[in-house]
Amino acid sequence: MLKTTKWDPAKYINSKEDVLAYLEAALEENDTELLLSVIGDIARSKGMAQIARELNVARESLYRSLSPEGNPSFSTVMKVLDILGFQIQLKQKIA
């Protein structure tokens, strides 16, 4: 019998390069739910409790906000990215 386990991307995010590649791939999809999920994966890989402390919010609240069903403020997303050592930059869309 084949036994499967749930794949957790947070276990495979080991470097800043991994984080950057994961974020860029999510941004290319132009899918808000996916982006929030990816940011949540990255936050879990780095320690959700520590990030929540730095944001001065409850860990559970941060988990909910960064879930696909979450609806965090843009400010929260920016603060989480800042804590992770990243910022959003814009570039002109190529048609």
N, C-alpha and C. Protein backbone atom coordinates (compact mmCIF):
# COMPACT_ATOMS: atom_id res chain seq x y z
N MET A 1 0.84 -1.18 0.00
CA MET A 1 0.00 0.00 0.00
C MET A 1 0.89 1.24 0.00
N LEU A 2 0.55 2.19 -0.84
CA LEU A 2 1.29 3.44 -0.96
C LEU A 2 0.83 4.41 0.11
N LYS A 3 1.77 4.96 0.85
CA LYS A 3 1.44 5.93 1.89
C LYS A 3 1.94 7.30 1.44
N THR A 4 1.07 8.28 1.51
CA THR A 4 1.45 9.63 1.12
C THR A 4 1.35 10.55 2.33
N THR A 5 2.09 11.62 2.27
CA THR A 5 2.02 12.64 3.32
C THR A 5 1.79 13.99 2.66
N LYS A 6 1.27 14.91 3.41
CA LYS A 6 1.02 16.25 2.89
C LYS A 6 2.35 16.96 2.68
N TRP A 7 2.53 17.55 1.50
CA TRP A 7 3.74 18.28 1.18
C TRP A 7 3.65 19.67 1.80
N ASP A 8 4.67 20.08 2.52
CA ASP A 8 4.70 21.38 3.16
C ASP A 8 5.84 22.21 2.57
N PRO A 9 5.52 23.21 1.74
CA PRO A 9 6.58 23.99 1.12
C PRO A 9 7.46 24.72 2.13
N ALA A 10 6.95 25.02 3.31
CA ALA A 10 7.73 25.73 4.32
C ALA A 10 8.99 24.95 4.72
N LYS A 11 8.95 23.64 4.58
CA LYS A 11 10.10 22.81 4.93
C LYS A 11 11.24 22.92 3.91
N TYR A 12 10.95 23.49 2.75
CA TYR A 12 11.94 23.54 1.68
C TYR A 12 12.43 24.94 1.38
N ILE A 13 12.05 25.89 2.20
CA ILE A 13 12.49 27.28 2.02
C ILE A 13 13.68 27.48 2.96
N ASN A 14 14.88 27.44 2.39
CA ASN A 14 16.07 27.43 3.22
C ASN A 14 16.98 28.64 3.07
N SER A 15 16.70 29.49 2.09
CA SER A 15 17.59 30.62 1.85
C SER A 15 16.81 31.82 1.34
N LYS A 16 17.46 32.97 1.32
CA LYS A 16 16.85 34.18 0.76
C LYS A 16 16.54 33.98 -0.72
N GLU A 17 17.38 33.21 -1.40
CA GLU A 17 17.15 32.94 -2.81
C GLU A 17 15.88 32.11 -3.00
N ASP A 18 15.67 31.14 -2.11
CA ASP A 18 14.44 30.34 -2.16
C ASP A 18 13.22 31.22 -1.97
N VAL A 19 13.30 32.12 -0.99
CA VAL A 19 12.19 33.03 -0.70
C VAL A 19 11.90 33.90 -1.92
N LEU A 20 12.95 34.49 -2.48
CA LEU A 20 12.77 35.37 -3.62
C LEU A 20 12.16 34.64 -4.81
N ALA A 21 12.66 33.46 -5.12
CA ALA A 21 12.12 32.69 -6.24
C ALA A 21 10.66 32.33 -6.02
N TYR A 22 10.32 31.95 -4.80
CA TYR A 22 8.94 31.57 -4.46
C TYR A 22 8.01 32.77 -4.58
N LEU A 23 8.44 33.92 -4.06
CA LEU A 23 7.63 35.14 -4.16
C LEU A 23 7.45 35.58 -5.61
N GLU A 24 8.53 35.55 -6.37
CA GLU A 24 8.44 35.97 -7.77
C GLU A 24 7.50 35.06 -8.57
N ALA A 25 7.58 33.77 -8.33
CA ALA A 25 6.69 32.83 -9.03
C ALA A 25 5.24 33.11 -8.67
N ALA A 26 4.97 33.39 -7.40
CA ALA A 26 3.59 33.68 -6.97
C ALA A 26 3.10 34.98 -7.58
N LEU A 27 3.95 36.00 -7.62
CA LEU A 27 3.55 37.28 -8.19
C LEU A 27 3.25 37.16 -9.68
N GLU A 28 3.97 36.31 -10.38
CA GLU A 28 3.74 36.12 -11.82
C GLU A 28 2.35 35.56 -12.10
N GLU A 29 1.78 34.85 -11.16
CA GLU A 29 0.45 34.25 -11.34
C GLU A 29 -0.68 35.26 -11.19
N ASN A 30 -0.37 36.43 -10.59
CA ASN A 30 -1.37 37.49 -10.41
C ASN A 30 -2.60 36.97 -9.66
N ASP A 31 -2.36 36.18 -8.63
CA ASP A 31 -3.42 35.54 -7.83
C ASP A 31 -3.21 35.91 -6.36
N THR A 32 -4.09 36.75 -5.84
CA THR A 32 -3.95 37.24 -4.47
C THR A 32 -3.94 36.13 -3.45
N GLU A 33 -4.84 35.15 -3.59
CA GLU A 33 -4.89 34.04 -2.63
C GLU A 33 -3.59 33.25 -2.64
N LEU A 34 -3.06 33.01 -3.83
CA LEU A 34 -1.79 32.29 -3.94
C LEU A 34 -0.67 33.08 -3.28
N LEU A 35 -0.61 34.38 -3.55
CA LEU A 35 0.44 35.21 -2.96
C LEU A 35 0.37 35.19 -1.44
N LEU A 36 -0.82 35.31 -0.88
CA LEU A 36 -0.97 35.27 0.58
C LEU A 36 -0.55 33.92 1.13
N SER A 37 -0.90 32.87 0.44
CA SER A 37 -0.51 31.53 0.86
C SER A 37 1.01 31.38 0.84
N VAL A 38 1.65 31.89 -0.20
CA VAL A 38 3.10 31.82 -0.32
C VAL A 38 3.77 32.62 0.80
N ILE A 39 3.27 33.82 1.07
CA ILE A 39 3.82 34.62 2.16
C ILE A 39 3.64 33.88 3.48
N GLY A 40 2.50 33.23 3.64
CA GLY A 40 2.26 32.42 4.84
C GLY A 40 3.25 31.26 4.94
N ASP A 41 3.51 30.57 3.82
CA ASP A 41 4.49 29.49 3.81
C ASP A 41 5.87 30.00 4.24
N ILE A 42 6.24 31.14 3.68
CA ILE A 42 7.55 31.72 3.99
C ILE A 42 7.62 32.13 5.45
N ALA A 43 6.55 32.75 5.94
CA ALA A 43 6.52 33.16 7.36
C ALA A 43 6.63 31.94 8.27
N ARG A 44 5.94 30.85 7.92
CA ARG A 44 6.05 29.63 8.73
C ARG A 44 7.46 29.07 8.70
N SER A 45 8.10 29.16 7.54
CA SER A 45 9.47 28.63 7.43
C SER A 45 10.45 29.43 8.29
N LYS A 46 10.15 30.68 8.51
CA LYS A 46 11.04 31.55 9.28
C LYS A 46 10.62 31.69 10.74
N GLY A 47 9.42 31.22 11.07
CA GLY A 47 8.93 31.29 12.44
C GLY A 47 7.78 32.26 12.59
N MET A 48 6.58 31.75 12.44
CA MET A 48 5.37 32.57 12.49
C MET A 48 5.25 33.29 13.84
N ALA A 49 5.61 32.61 14.91
CA ALA A 49 5.48 33.22 16.24
C ALA A 49 6.36 34.45 16.36
N GLN A 50 7.60 34.37 15.87
CA GLN A 50 8.51 35.51 15.94
C GLN A 50 8.01 36.67 15.09
N ILE A 51 7.53 36.37 13.90
CA ILE A 51 7.01 37.42 13.03
C ILE A 51 5.79 38.08 13.66
N ALA A 52 4.91 37.28 14.24
CA ALA A 52 3.73 37.82 14.92
C ALA A 52 4.14 38.74 16.07
N ARG A 53 5.16 38.34 16.83
CA ARG A 53 5.64 39.19 17.93
C ARG A 53 6.15 40.52 17.39
N GLU A 54 6.91 40.46 16.31
CA GLU A 54 7.45 41.70 15.73
C GLU A 54 6.34 42.60 15.19
N LEU A 55 5.24 41.99 14.76
CA LEU A 55 4.09 42.76 14.27
C LEU A 55 3.16 43.19 15.39
N ASN A 56 3.38 42.60 16.58
CA ASN A 56 2.52 42.85 17.74
C ASN A 56 1.09 42.39 17.49
N VAL A 57 0.98 41.17 16.90
CA VAL A 57 -0.32 40.54 16.69
C VAL A 57 -0.24 39.10 17.20
N ALA A 58 -1.39 38.50 17.42
CA ALA A 58 -1.44 37.11 17.85
C ALA A 58 -1.02 36.20 16.69
N ARG A 59 -0.29 35.15 17.01
CA ARG A 59 0.17 34.20 15.99
C ARG A 59 -1.00 33.64 15.20
N GLU A 60 -2.07 33.27 15.91
CA GLU A 60 -3.25 32.70 15.24
C GLU A 60 -3.86 33.69 14.26
N SER A 61 -3.86 34.95 14.65
CA SER A 61 -4.41 36.00 13.79
C SER A 61 -3.57 36.14 12.52
N LEU A 62 -2.26 36.04 12.67
CA LEU A 62 -1.39 36.14 11.51
C LEU A 62 -1.57 34.93 10.60
N TYR A 63 -1.69 33.75 11.18
CA TYR A 63 -1.98 32.55 10.38
C TYR A 63 -3.24 32.75 9.56
N ARG A 64 -4.31 33.23 10.20
CA ARG A 64 -5.58 33.44 9.49
C ARG A 64 -5.43 34.48 8.39
N SER A 65 -4.75 35.58 8.70
CA SER A 65 -4.58 36.65 7.71
C SER A 65 -3.85 36.18 6.47
N LEU A 66 -2.86 35.32 6.65
CA LEU A 66 -2.04 34.89 5.52
C LEU A 66 -2.53 33.60 4.87
N SER A 67 -3.67 33.13 5.29
CA SER A 67 -4.25 31.94 4.66
C SER A 67 -4.94 32.36 3.36
N PRO A 68 -5.22 31.41 2.48
CA PRO A 68 -5.92 31.77 1.23
C PRO A 68 -7.26 32.45 1.47
N GLU A 69 -7.90 32.18 2.61
CA GLU A 69 -9.18 32.81 2.93
C GLU A 69 -9.00 34.15 3.66
N GLY A 70 -7.77 34.46 4.01
CA GLY A 70 -7.49 35.68 4.78
C GLY A 70 -7.65 36.93 3.95
N ASN A 71 -7.71 38.04 4.64
CA ASN A 71 -7.83 39.32 3.97
C ASN A 71 -7.01 40.35 4.76
N PRO A 72 -5.68 40.18 4.77
CA PRO A 72 -4.86 41.12 5.53
C PRO A 72 -4.83 42.49 4.86
N SER A 73 -4.55 43.48 5.66
CA SER A 73 -4.38 44.81 5.07
C SER A 73 -3.09 44.82 4.26
N PHE A 74 -3.01 45.73 3.33
CA PHE A 74 -1.79 45.88 2.54
C PHE A 74 -0.62 46.21 3.46
N SER A 75 -0.92 46.98 4.48
CA SER A 75 0.09 47.34 5.48
C SER A 75 0.67 46.10 6.16
N THR A 76 -0.18 45.15 6.51
CA THR A 76 0.29 43.91 7.14
C THR A 76 1.19 43.14 6.19
N VAL A 77 0.79 43.03 4.94
CA VAL A 77 1.60 42.32 3.95
C VAL A 77 2.97 42.99 3.82
N MET A 78 2.97 44.30 3.72
CA MET A 78 4.23 45.04 3.59
C MET A 78 5.12 44.84 4.82
N LYS A 79 4.52 44.85 6.00
CA LYS A 79 5.30 44.67 7.23
C LYS A 79 5.89 43.26 7.31
N VAL A 80 5.11 42.26 6.93
CA VAL A 80 5.62 40.88 6.94
C VAL A 80 6.79 40.76 5.96
N LEU A 81 6.62 41.30 4.76
CA LEU A 81 7.70 41.24 3.78
C LEU A 81 8.94 41.96 4.31
N ASP A 82 8.76 43.08 4.97
CA ASP A 82 9.88 43.82 5.54
C ASP A 82 10.60 42.98 6.60
N ILE A 83 9.85 42.36 7.48
CA ILE A 83 10.45 41.50 8.51
C ILE A 83 11.23 40.36 7.87
N LEU A 84 10.73 39.85 6.75
CA LEU A 84 11.40 38.77 6.04
C LEU A 84 12.61 39.26 5.25
N GLY A 85 12.76 40.59 5.16
CA GLY A 85 13.91 41.16 4.46
C GLY A 85 13.67 41.45 2.99
N PHE A 86 12.41 41.67 2.63
CA PHE A 86 12.07 41.94 1.23
C PHE A 86 11.20 43.17 1.11
N GLN A 87 11.17 43.72 -0.08
CA GLN A 87 10.28 44.83 -0.40
C GLN A 87 9.72 44.63 -1.79
N ILE A 88 8.62 45.25 -2.06
CA ILE A 88 8.00 45.15 -3.38
C ILE A 88 8.57 46.23 -4.28
N GLN A 89 8.94 45.84 -5.49
CA GLN A 89 9.39 46.79 -6.50
C GLN A 89 8.52 46.59 -7.73
N LEU A 90 8.28 47.66 -8.44
CA LEU A 90 7.45 47.58 -9.63
C LEU A 90 8.32 47.63 -10.87
N LYS A 91 7.83 46.97 -11.91
CA LYS A 91 8.46 47.08 -13.22
C LYS A 91 7.34 47.14 -14.25
N GLN A 92 7.64 47.74 -15.35
CA GLN A 92 6.64 47.88 -16.40
C GLN A 92 6.31 46.52 -16.96
N LYS A 93 5.02 46.30 -17.14
CA LYS A 93 4.53 45.04 -17.70
C LYS A 93 4.87 44.96 -19.17
N ILE A 94 5.39 43.82 -19.56
CA ILE A 94 5.72 43.61 -20.97
C ILE A 94 4.51 42.99 -21.66
N ALA A 95 4.06 43.66 -22.70
CA ALA A 95 2.85 43.21 -23.40
C ALA A 95 3.06 41.98 -24.22
